C-alpha atoms as a PDB file:
ATOM      1  CA  UNK A   1      89.485  97.226  92.567  1.00  0.00           C
ATOM      2  CA  UNK A   2      88.114 100.671  93.472  1.00  0.00           C
ATOM      3  CA  UNK A   3      89.172 100.237  97.090  1.00  0.00           C
ATOM      4  CA  UNK A   4      92.693  99.260  96.027  1.00  0.00           C
ATOM      5  CA  UNK A   5      92.916 102.348  93.779  1.00  0.00           C
ATOM      6  CA  UNK A   6      91.698 104.595  96.593  1.00  0.00           C
ATOM      7  CA  UNK A   7      94.238 103.138  99.016  1.00  0.00           C
ATOM      8  CA  UNK A   8      97.059 103.654  96.511  1.00  0.00           C
ATOM      9  CA  UNK A   9      95.931 107.212  95.847  1.00  0.00           C
ATOM     10  CA  UNK A  10      95.859 108.045  99.558  1.00  0.00           C
ATOM     11  CA  UNK A  11      99.214 106.358 100.110  1.00  0.00           C
ATOM     12  CA  UNK A  12     100.746 108.339  97.256  1.00  0.00           C
ATOM     13  CA  UNK A  13      99.381 111.605  98.610  1.00  0.00           C
ATOM     14  CA  UNK A  14     100.736 110.784 102.065  1.00  0.00           C
ATOM     15  CA  UNK A  15     104.240 110.043 100.760  1.00  0.00           C
ATOM     16  CA  UNK A  16     104.591 113.616  99.494  1.00  0.00           C
ATOM     17  CA  UNK A  17     102.824 115.209 102.456  1.00  0.00           C
ATOM     18  CA  UNK A  18     105.660 114.504 104.893  1.00  0.00           C
ATOM     19  CA  UNK A  19     106.119 117.285 107.365  1.00  0.00           C
ATOM     20  CA  UNK A  20     109.432 117.452 109.155  1.00  0.00           C
ATOM     21  CA  UNK A  21     109.429 118.645 112.757  1.00  0.00           C
ATOM     22  CA  UNK A  22     112.651 120.632 112.492  1.00  0.00           C
ATOM     23  CA  UNK A  23     112.830 121.482 116.179  1.00  0.00           C
ATOM     24  CA  UNK A  24     112.673 117.777 117.040  1.00  0.00           C
ATOM     25  CA  UNK A  25     115.264 117.003 114.336  1.00  0.00           C
ATOM     26  CA  UNK A  26     117.662 119.657 115.647  1.00  0.00           C
ATOM     27  CA  UNK A  27     117.249 118.385 119.194  1.00  0.00           C
ATOM     28  CA  UNK A  28     117.975 114.821 118.030  1.00  0.00           C
ATOM     29  CA  UNK A  29     121.305 116.105 116.695  1.00  0.00           C
ATOM     30  CA  UNK A  30     122.048 117.949 119.935  1.00  0.00           C
ATOM     31  CA  UNK A  31     121.885 121.380 118.309  1.00  0.00           C
ATOM     32  CA  UNK A  32     121.058 124.443 120.412  1.00  0.00           C
ATOM     33  CA  UNK A  33     117.962 125.811 118.683  1.00  0.00           C
ATOM     34  CA  UNK A  34     118.401 129.164 120.427  1.00  0.00           C
ATOM     35  CA  UNK A  35     121.617 129.706 118.442  1.00  0.00           C
ATOM     36  CA  UNK A  36     120.408 129.501 114.843  1.00  0.00           C
ATOM     37  CA  UNK A  37     122.758 131.571 112.709  1.00  0.00           C
ATOM     38  CA  UNK A  38     121.965 131.690 109.008  1.00  0.00           C
ATOM     39  CA  UNK A  39     124.772 134.215 108.459  1.00  0.00           C
ATOM     40  CA  UNK A  40     127.309 131.557 109.487  1.00  0.00           C
ATOM     41  CA  UNK A  41     125.624 129.167 107.064  1.00  0.00           C
ATOM     42  CA  UNK A  42     125.889 131.759 104.276  1.00  0.00           C
ATOM     43  CA  UNK A  43     129.611 132.173 104.967  1.00  0.00           C
ATOM     44  CA  UNK A  44     130.135 128.396 104.883  1.00  0.00           C
ATOM     45  CA  UNK A  45     127.915 128.154 101.777  1.00  0.00           C
ATOM     46  CA  UNK A  46     130.337 130.353  99.830  1.00  0.00           C
ATOM     47  CA  UNK A  47     133.567 129.177 101.466  1.00  0.00           C
ATOM     48  CA  UNK A  48     136.027 126.943  99.602  1.00  0.00           C
ATOM     49  CA  UNK A  49     137.917 124.851 102.129  1.00  0.00           C
ATOM     50  CA  UNK A  50     138.965 122.550  99.310  1.00  0.00           C
ATOM     51  CA  UNK A  51     139.907 124.108  95.965  1.00  0.00           C
ATOM     52  CA  UNK A  52     136.847 124.449  93.708  1.00  0.00           C
ATOM     53  CA  UNK A  53     134.457 122.979  96.303  1.00  0.00           C
ATOM     54  CA  UNK A  54     131.771 124.963  98.028  1.00  0.00           C
ATOM     55  CA  UNK A  55     128.039 124.550  98.484  1.00  0.00           C
ATOM     56  CA  UNK A  56     127.460 127.413  96.043  1.00  0.00           C
ATOM     57  CA  UNK A  57     129.786 125.738  93.555  1.00  0.00           C
ATOM     58  CA  UNK A  58     127.201 123.018  92.956  1.00  0.00           C
ATOM     59  CA  UNK A  59     123.932 124.501  94.221  1.00  0.00           C
ATOM     60  CA  UNK A  60     124.586 128.141  93.171  1.00  0.00           C
ATOM     61  CA  UNK A  61     123.725 131.158  95.305  1.00  0.00           C
ATOM     62  CA  UNK A  62     120.189 131.227  93.924  1.00  0.00           C
ATOM     63  CA  UNK A  63     118.490 128.234  95.538  1.00  0.00           C
ATOM     64  CA  UNK A  64     115.483 128.557  93.232  1.00  0.00           C
ATOM     65  CA  UNK A  65     117.669 127.581  90.246  1.00  0.00           C
ATOM     66  CA  UNK A  66     119.122 124.254  89.138  1.00  0.00           C
ATOM     67  CA  UNK A  67     122.716 123.563  90.060  1.00  0.00           C
ATOM     68  CA  UNK A  68     125.354 121.280  88.576  1.00  0.00           C
ATOM     69  CA  UNK A  69     127.645 118.946  90.494  1.00  0.00           C
ATOM     70  CA  UNK A  70     131.220 120.135  90.006  1.00  0.00           C
ATOM     71  CA  UNK A  71     132.692 116.678  89.532  1.00  0.00           C
ATOM     72  CA  UNK A  72     129.946 114.573  87.900  1.00  0.00           C
ATOM     73  CA  UNK A  73     128.232 117.447  86.014  1.00  0.00           C
ATOM     74  CA  UNK A  74     124.824 116.028  87.017  1.00  0.00           C
ATOM     75  CA  UNK A  75     121.942 118.489  87.292  1.00  0.00           C
ATOM     76  CA  UNK A  76     120.854 119.248  90.861  1.00  0.00           C
ATOM     77  CA  UNK A  77     117.240 120.221  91.459  1.00  0.00           C
ATOM     78  CA  UNK A  78     116.644 123.539  93.236  1.00  0.00           C
ATOM     79  CA  UNK A  79     116.930 123.488  97.021  1.00  0.00           C
ATOM     80  CA  UNK A  80     114.241 126.099  97.600  1.00  0.00           C
ATOM     81  CA  UNK A  81     110.896 124.659  98.717  1.00  0.00           C
ATOM     82  CA  UNK A  82     109.244 127.523  96.822  1.00  0.00           C
ATOM     83  CA  UNK A  83     110.086 125.795  93.537  1.00  0.00           C
ATOM     84  CA  UNK A  84     110.727 122.223  94.689  1.00  0.00           C
ATOM     85  CA  UNK A  85     108.157 121.064  97.239  1.00  0.00           C
ATOM     86  CA  UNK A  86     110.004 117.798  97.885  1.00  0.00           C
ATOM     87  CA  UNK A  87     112.982 119.563  99.442  1.00  0.00           C
ATOM     88  CA  UNK A  88     113.398 119.258 103.199  1.00  0.00           C
ATOM     89  CA  UNK A  89     110.423 116.901 103.414  1.00  0.00           C
ATOM     90  CA  UNK A  90     112.201 113.727 104.592  1.00  0.00           C
ATOM     91  CA  UNK A  91     114.395 113.398 107.685  1.00  0.00           C
ATOM     92  CA  UNK A  92     116.119 110.407 106.099  1.00  0.00           C
ATOM     93  CA  UNK A  93     117.068 112.407 102.991  1.00  0.00           C
ATOM     94  CA  UNK A  94     118.081 115.465 105.024  1.00  0.00           C
ATOM     95  CA  UNK A  95     120.480 113.346 107.074  1.00  0.00           C
ATOM     96  CA  UNK A  96     121.779 111.494 104.010  1.00  0.00           C
ATOM     97  CA  UNK A  97     122.505 114.576 101.932  1.00  0.00           C
ATOM     98  CA  UNK A  98     123.936 116.706 104.727  1.00  0.00           C
ATOM     99  CA  UNK A  99     126.346 113.906 105.608  1.00  0.00           C
ATOM    100  CA  UNK A 100     127.339 113.271 101.995  1.00  0.00           C
ATOM    101  CA  UNK A 101     127.658 116.927 100.999  1.00  0.00           C
ATOM    102  CA  UNK A 102     129.581 117.977 104.100  1.00  0.00           C
ATOM    103  CA  UNK A 103     132.061 115.161 103.546  1.00  0.00           C
ATOM    104  CA  UNK A 104     132.429 116.111  99.862  1.00  0.00           C
ATOM    105  CA  UNK A 105     132.754 119.839 100.499  1.00  0.00           C
ATOM    106  CA  UNK A 106     134.558 120.007 103.855  1.00  0.00           C
ATOM    107  CA  UNK A 107     136.159 116.525 104.103  1.00  0.00           C
ATOM    108  CA  UNK A 108     134.249 116.006 107.369  1.00  0.00           C
ATOM    109  CA  UNK A 109     130.732 115.688 108.663  1.00  0.00           C
ATOM    110  CA  UNK A 110     129.122 118.936 109.682  1.00  0.00           C
ATOM    111  CA  UNK A 111     128.351 119.362 113.351  1.00  0.00           C
ATOM    112  CA  UNK A 112     124.815 119.774 114.698  1.00  0.00           C
ATOM    113  CA  UNK A 113     124.904 123.588 114.708  1.00  0.00           C
ATOM    114  CA  UNK A 114     126.215 123.759 111.154  1.00  0.00           C
ATOM    115  CA  UNK A 115     123.538 121.378 109.879  1.00  0.00           C
ATOM    116  CA  UNK A 116     120.809 123.343 111.641  1.00  0.00           C
ATOM    117  CA  UNK A 117     122.173 126.625 110.277  1.00  0.00           C
ATOM    118  CA  UNK A 118     122.295 125.206 106.732  1.00  0.00           C
ATOM    119  CA  UNK A 119     118.706 124.007 106.905  1.00  0.00           C
ATOM    120  CA  UNK A 120     117.465 127.339 108.213  1.00  0.00           C
ATOM    121  CA  UNK A 121     119.465 129.122 105.494  1.00  0.00           C
ATOM    122  CA  UNK A 122     117.896 126.893 102.846  1.00  0.00           C
ATOM    123  CA  UNK A 123     114.428 127.436 104.305  1.00  0.00           C
ATOM    124  CA  UNK A 124     114.882 131.216 103.996  1.00  0.00           C
ATOM    125  CA  UNK A 125     115.864 131.072 100.325  1.00  0.00           C
END
């Protein structure tokens, strides 16, 4: 029983210790890592291409604070890793949420450069 408990403890610790290799992720998307532009991400973050829809509209401009989804009114945990260590820790979730949020906000998937810029913007905040 002690061995089982130890294995479960180590497994649990490993689940939250995921480290994303962002350079590898960006390359898998075909993004040019020499052209990271967080200023472009900031502009897109605030931009409303659809009335009442922007990244800031749900996530706010302070990524250390909770946001609220504009349509469902659900609470959104902070994006900043400084206050939410689980953010940007899973490639699967990064891909899922970038795809879903870009489609919701811009009515299209974001391209590789935009996704990379968003992640770097989030990492800075």
